[in-house]
């Protein structure tokens, strides 16, 4: 498998880690869209939201337990946005499930 995020998890490609545990890895986006832009990914390969099922949904639930901890550690006390792109029409550039944490400023009302 040739997956950018799997290579980052394995340490083959450098990243700026902000959080890690046995199921989750979080790191700073190299092309930030907000002052704070962190990607949170499962350590197991799930291609997208469409790949979530009863066999891996516990990992996704764990990610959503970690996101508030990461946001708090980053000082995102005024709020933040969590986004996951799914598929080509949504501009999913890496086919490994990931959630963007965006914050650190007033975000736009529109997401289109």
N, C-alpha and C. Protein backbone atom coordinates (compact mmCIF):
# COMPACT_ATOMS: atom_id res chain seq x y z
N UNK A 1 0.85 -1.18 0.00
CA UNK A 1 0.00 0.00 0.00
C UNK A 1 0.89 1.24 0.00
N UNK A 2 0.53 2.20 -0.83
CA UNK A 2 1.28 3.44 -0.94
C UNK A 2 0.42 4.58 -0.41
N UNK A 3 0.43 4.76 0.91
CA UNK A 3 -0.43 5.75 1.55
C UNK A 3 0.44 6.75 2.30
N UNK A 4 0.29 8.02 1.97
CA UNK A 4 1.06 9.09 2.60
C UNK A 4 0.91 9.07 4.12
N UNK A 5 -0.32 8.96 4.61
CA UNK A 5 -0.53 9.01 6.05
C UNK A 5 -0.01 7.75 6.74
N UNK A 6 -0.09 6.60 6.10
CA UNK A 6 0.51 5.39 6.68
C UNK A 6 2.03 5.56 6.79
N UNK A 7 2.63 6.20 5.80
CA UNK A 7 4.07 6.47 5.84
C UNK A 7 4.42 7.44 6.96
N UNK A 8 3.56 8.41 7.21
CA UNK A 8 3.79 9.35 8.32
C UNK A 8 3.68 8.60 9.65
N UNK A 9 2.66 7.77 9.81
CA UNK A 9 2.50 6.98 11.03
C UNK A 9 3.72 6.11 11.28
N UNK A 10 4.24 5.50 10.21
CA UNK A 10 5.40 4.60 10.33
C UNK A 10 6.70 5.36 10.55
N UNK A 11 6.69 6.69 10.44
CA UNK A 11 7.90 7.48 10.63
C UNK A 11 8.76 7.59 9.39
N UNK A 12 8.27 7.12 8.25
CA UNK A 12 9.02 7.20 7.00
C UNK A 12 9.02 8.60 6.41
N UNK A 13 7.99 9.38 6.74
CA UNK A 13 7.87 10.77 6.31
C UNK A 13 7.74 11.62 7.57
N UNK A 14 8.54 12.68 7.69
CA UNK A 14 8.47 13.48 8.91
C UNK A 14 7.18 14.27 9.02
N UNK A 15 6.78 14.53 10.26
CA UNK A 15 5.61 15.35 10.55
C UNK A 15 5.84 16.03 11.90
N UNK A 16 5.02 17.03 12.17
CA UNK A 16 5.09 17.71 13.45
C UNK A 16 3.96 17.17 14.31
N UNK A 17 4.30 16.19 15.13
CA UNK A 17 3.32 15.51 15.96
C UNK A 17 2.82 16.43 17.07
N UNK A 18 1.50 16.38 17.30
CA UNK A 18 0.92 17.10 18.44
C UNK A 18 0.25 16.14 19.42
N UNK A 19 -0.05 14.91 18.97
CA UNK A 19 -0.69 13.93 19.84
C UNK A 19 -0.49 12.54 19.24
N UNK A 20 -0.32 11.56 20.14
CA UNK A 20 -0.24 10.17 19.69
C UNK A 20 -0.63 9.26 20.83
N UNK A 21 -1.38 8.23 20.50
CA UNK A 21 -1.63 7.13 21.42
C UNK A 21 -1.65 5.84 20.60
N UNK A 22 -2.14 4.76 21.17
CA UNK A 22 -2.07 3.47 20.48
C UNK A 22 -2.95 3.39 19.24
N UNK A 23 -3.98 4.26 19.12
CA UNK A 23 -4.91 4.20 18.00
C UNK A 23 -4.90 5.43 17.10
N UNK A 24 -4.35 6.53 17.57
CA UNK A 24 -4.51 7.83 16.91
C UNK A 24 -3.17 8.53 16.77
N UNK A 25 -3.01 9.25 15.67
CA UNK A 25 -1.85 10.11 15.46
C UNK A 25 -2.38 11.46 14.98
N UNK A 26 -1.89 12.55 15.56
CA UNK A 26 -2.31 13.89 15.15
C UNK A 26 -1.06 14.73 14.89
N UNK A 27 -1.13 15.52 13.81
CA UNK A 27 0.03 16.32 13.41
C UNK A 27 -0.42 17.58 12.70
N UNK A 28 0.48 18.55 12.60
CA UNK A 28 0.17 19.83 11.97
C UNK A 28 0.12 19.66 10.45
N UNK A 29 -0.88 20.28 9.85
CA UNK A 29 -1.01 20.26 8.39
C UNK A 29 0.11 21.10 7.78
N UNK A 30 0.70 20.62 6.70
CA UNK A 30 1.80 21.37 6.07
C UNK A 30 1.30 22.53 5.21
N UNK A 31 -0.01 22.57 4.96
CA UNK A 31 -0.61 23.67 4.20
C UNK A 31 -1.80 24.20 5.01
N UNK A 32 -1.52 24.87 6.14
CA UNK A 32 -2.60 25.24 7.06
C UNK A 32 -3.61 26.20 6.45
N UNK A 33 -4.88 25.95 6.73
CA UNK A 33 -5.99 26.79 6.28
C UNK A 33 -6.51 27.69 7.39
N UNK A 34 -5.89 27.60 8.56
CA UNK A 34 -6.23 28.43 9.73
C UNK A 34 -4.97 28.49 10.59
N UNK A 35 -4.91 29.43 11.55
CA UNK A 35 -3.73 29.49 12.42
C UNK A 35 -3.42 28.16 13.10
N UNK A 36 -4.45 27.44 13.51
CA UNK A 36 -4.27 26.07 14.00
C UNK A 36 -4.96 25.14 13.02
N UNK A 37 -4.18 24.23 12.45
CA UNK A 37 -4.72 23.25 11.49
C UNK A 37 -4.01 21.93 11.75
N UNK A 38 -4.75 21.03 12.39
CA UNK A 38 -4.19 19.74 12.80
C UNK A 38 -4.98 18.64 12.11
N UNK A 39 -4.28 17.62 11.66
CA UNK A 39 -4.92 16.43 11.10
C UNK A 39 -4.88 15.33 12.14
N UNK A 40 -6.02 14.67 12.33
CA UNK A 40 -6.14 13.58 13.29
C UNK A 40 -6.50 12.34 12.49
N UNK A 41 -5.66 11.29 12.60
CA UNK A 41 -5.85 10.11 11.77
C UNK A 41 -5.80 8.84 12.61
N UNK A 42 -6.54 7.82 12.18
CA UNK A 42 -6.41 6.52 12.84
C UNK A 42 -5.11 5.86 12.39
N UNK A 43 -4.52 5.09 13.28
CA UNK A 43 -3.30 4.38 12.92
C UNK A 43 -3.58 3.19 11.99
N UNK A 44 -4.81 2.70 12.00
CA UNK A 44 -5.17 1.67 11.03
C UNK A 44 -5.65 2.39 9.77
N UNK A 45 -5.44 1.75 8.63
CA UNK A 45 -5.84 2.38 7.37
C UNK A 45 -7.33 2.18 7.14
N UNK A 46 -8.04 3.30 7.12
CA UNK A 46 -9.45 3.35 6.73
C UNK A 46 -9.47 4.38 5.60
N UNK A 47 -9.98 4.03 4.43
CA UNK A 47 -9.84 4.93 3.28
C UNK A 47 -10.58 6.26 3.38
N UNK A 48 -11.73 6.28 4.04
CA UNK A 48 -12.51 7.51 4.15
C UNK A 48 -13.67 7.25 5.10
N UNK A 49 -14.54 8.25 5.26
CA UNK A 49 -15.75 8.07 6.07
C UNK A 49 -16.56 6.89 5.54
N UNK A 50 -16.56 6.69 4.23
CA UNK A 50 -17.29 5.56 3.64
C UNK A 50 -16.74 4.21 4.08
N UNK A 51 -15.54 4.17 4.60
CA UNK A 51 -14.94 2.92 5.05
C UNK A 51 -15.19 2.60 6.51
N UNK A 52 -15.93 3.45 7.21
CA UNK A 52 -16.22 3.20 8.62
C UNK A 52 -17.31 2.14 8.71
N UNK A 53 -17.05 1.13 9.54
CA UNK A 53 -18.03 0.05 9.74
C UNK A 53 -17.93 -0.47 11.16
N UNK A 54 -18.67 -1.53 11.45
CA UNK A 54 -18.70 -2.08 12.80
C UNK A 54 -17.34 -2.62 13.25
N UNK A 55 -16.44 -2.90 12.32
CA UNK A 55 -15.12 -3.42 12.68
C UNK A 55 -14.14 -2.34 13.10
N UNK A 56 -14.38 -1.09 12.70
CA UNK A 56 -13.42 -0.03 13.02
C UNK A 56 -14.05 1.21 13.66
N UNK A 57 -15.34 1.20 13.89
CA UNK A 57 -16.01 2.39 14.42
C UNK A 57 -15.54 2.77 15.82
N UNK A 58 -15.03 1.81 16.59
CA UNK A 58 -14.51 2.14 17.92
C UNK A 58 -13.28 3.05 17.82
N UNK A 59 -12.49 2.86 16.78
CA UNK A 59 -11.32 3.73 16.56
C UNK A 59 -11.79 5.15 16.25
N UNK A 60 -12.83 5.27 15.45
CA UNK A 60 -13.36 6.58 15.10
C UNK A 60 -13.96 7.25 16.34
N UNK A 61 -14.67 6.49 17.16
CA UNK A 61 -15.19 7.04 18.41
C UNK A 61 -14.05 7.55 19.28
N UNK A 62 -12.96 6.79 19.32
CA UNK A 62 -11.79 7.20 20.11
C UNK A 62 -11.20 8.51 19.57
N UNK A 63 -11.17 8.65 18.25
CA UNK A 63 -10.68 9.90 17.65
C UNK A 63 -11.49 11.08 18.18
N UNK A 64 -12.82 10.90 18.24
CA UNK A 64 -13.68 11.99 18.70
C UNK A 64 -13.59 12.21 20.21
N UNK A 65 -13.03 11.27 20.94
CA UNK A 65 -12.70 11.50 22.35
C UNK A 65 -11.40 12.29 22.46
N UNK A 66 -10.49 12.10 21.50
CA UNK A 66 -9.20 12.78 21.51
C UNK A 66 -9.28 14.22 21.00
N UNK A 67 -10.15 14.48 20.04
CA UNK A 67 -10.21 15.81 19.42
C UNK A 67 -10.39 16.92 20.45
N UNK A 68 -11.31 16.84 21.41
CA UNK A 68 -11.42 17.94 22.39
C UNK A 68 -10.17 18.11 23.24
N UNK A 69 -9.48 17.02 23.54
CA UNK A 69 -8.23 17.11 24.31
C UNK A 69 -7.16 17.85 23.51
N UNK A 70 -7.07 17.51 22.22
CA UNK A 70 -6.09 18.17 21.35
C UNK A 70 -6.43 19.65 21.23
N UNK A 71 -7.70 19.96 21.00
CA UNK A 71 -8.13 21.36 20.86
C UNK A 71 -7.83 22.15 22.13
N UNK A 72 -8.09 21.57 23.28
CA UNK A 72 -7.80 22.25 24.55
C UNK A 72 -6.30 22.49 24.70
N UNK A 73 -5.50 21.48 24.39
CA UNK A 73 -4.04 21.62 24.49
C UNK A 73 -3.51 22.69 23.55
N UNK A 74 -4.21 22.92 22.43
CA UNK A 74 -3.82 23.94 21.46
C UNK A 74 -4.38 25.32 21.80
N UNK A 75 -5.16 25.41 22.89
CA UNK A 75 -5.71 26.69 23.31
C UNK A 75 -6.89 27.15 22.48
N UNK A 76 -7.61 26.24 21.87
CA UNK A 76 -8.76 26.61 21.04
C UNK A 76 -10.01 26.76 21.89
N UNK A 77 -9.95 27.66 22.85
CA UNK A 77 -11.03 27.84 23.82
C UNK A 77 -12.24 28.56 23.23
N UNK A 78 -12.06 29.29 22.15
CA UNK A 78 -13.17 30.03 21.54
C UNK A 78 -13.94 29.22 20.52
N UNK A 79 -13.55 27.99 20.31
CA UNK A 79 -14.22 27.12 19.34
C UNK A 79 -13.28 26.69 18.23
N UNK A 80 -13.72 25.70 17.51
CA UNK A 80 -12.95 25.14 16.40
C UNK A 80 -13.89 24.36 15.50
N UNK A 81 -13.40 24.02 14.33
CA UNK A 81 -14.17 23.26 13.35
C UNK A 81 -13.50 21.92 13.14
N UNK A 82 -14.31 20.87 12.97
CA UNK A 82 -13.82 19.53 12.64
C UNK A 82 -14.41 19.16 11.29
N UNK A 83 -13.55 18.80 10.33
CA UNK A 83 -13.99 18.52 8.96
C UNK A 83 -13.34 17.24 8.48
N UNK A 84 -14.11 16.45 7.73
CA UNK A 84 -13.56 15.30 7.03
C UNK A 84 -14.10 15.30 5.61
N UNK A 85 -13.20 15.34 4.64
CA UNK A 85 -13.59 15.26 3.23
C UNK A 85 -13.69 13.79 2.83
N UNK A 86 -14.72 13.47 2.06
CA UNK A 86 -14.94 12.08 1.67
C UNK A 86 -15.14 11.99 0.17
N UNK A 87 -14.13 11.49 -0.53
CA UNK A 87 -14.23 11.28 -1.97
C UNK A 87 -13.70 12.45 -2.79
N UNK A 88 -13.61 12.19 -4.08
CA UNK A 88 -13.02 13.15 -5.01
C UNK A 88 -13.78 14.45 -5.09
N UNK A 89 -15.11 14.41 -5.12
CA UNK A 89 -15.90 15.64 -5.23
C UNK A 89 -15.76 16.52 -3.99
N UNK A 90 -15.36 15.94 -2.87
CA UNK A 90 -15.14 16.70 -1.65
C UNK A 90 -13.66 17.08 -1.49
N UNK A 91 -12.86 16.78 -2.50
CA UNK A 91 -11.42 17.10 -2.51
C UNK A 91 -10.64 16.34 -1.45
N UNK A 92 -10.99 15.07 -1.23
CA UNK A 92 -10.19 14.24 -0.33
C UNK A 92 -8.88 13.93 -1.04
N UNK A 93 -7.80 14.55 -0.60
CA UNK A 93 -6.52 14.42 -1.30
C UNK A 93 -5.73 13.20 -0.88
N UNK A 94 -5.93 12.72 0.34
CA UNK A 94 -5.25 11.51 0.83
C UNK A 94 -6.33 10.51 1.20
N UNK A 95 -6.27 9.35 0.59
CA UNK A 95 -7.30 8.33 0.79
C UNK A 95 -7.03 7.52 2.06
N UNK A 96 -6.95 8.23 3.18
CA UNK A 96 -6.81 7.67 4.52
C UNK A 96 -7.68 8.57 5.39
N UNK A 97 -8.65 8.00 6.08
CA UNK A 97 -9.56 8.78 6.90
C UNK A 97 -8.79 9.78 7.76
N UNK A 98 -9.22 11.02 7.72
CA UNK A 98 -8.60 12.04 8.56
C UNK A 98 -9.60 13.15 8.86
N UNK A 99 -9.39 13.75 10.01
CA UNK A 99 -10.23 14.84 10.47
C UNK A 99 -9.35 16.06 10.67
N UNK A 100 -9.79 17.18 10.10
CA UNK A 100 -9.09 18.45 10.24
C UNK A 100 -9.65 19.17 11.46
N UNK A 101 -8.77 19.61 12.34
CA UNK A 101 -9.16 20.54 13.41
C UNK A 101 -8.67 21.91 12.95
N UNK A 102 -9.61 22.84 12.79
CA UNK A 102 -9.30 24.18 12.32
C UNK A 102 -9.74 25.20 13.36
N UNK A 103 -8.86 26.12 13.70
CA UNK A 103 -9.23 27.13 14.68
C UNK A 103 -8.15 28.18 14.83
N UNK A 104 -8.28 28.95 15.89
CA UNK A 104 -7.31 30.00 16.16
C UNK A 104 -7.69 31.35 15.60
N UNK A 105 -8.87 31.44 14.98
CA UNK A 105 -9.40 32.70 14.46
C UNK A 105 -10.89 32.51 14.24
N UNK A 106 -11.58 33.61 13.94
CA UNK A 106 -12.99 33.52 13.57
C UNK A 106 -13.06 32.89 12.18
N UNK A 107 -13.70 31.75 12.08
CA UNK A 107 -13.80 31.03 10.80
C UNK A 107 -15.00 31.57 10.01
N UNK A 108 -14.94 31.38 8.70
CA UNK A 108 -16.02 31.83 7.83
C UNK A 108 -17.31 31.06 8.12
N UNK A 109 -18.42 31.74 7.96
CA UNK A 109 -19.72 31.12 8.13
C UNK A 109 -19.97 30.02 7.10
N UNK A 110 -19.56 30.28 5.87
CA UNK A 110 -19.79 29.36 4.77
C UNK A 110 -18.71 28.30 4.70
N UNK A 111 -19.11 27.10 4.41
CA UNK A 111 -18.13 26.01 4.22
C UNK A 111 -18.11 25.57 2.77
N UNK A 112 -18.82 26.25 1.90
CA UNK A 112 -18.87 25.87 0.48
C UNK A 112 -17.79 26.55 -0.30
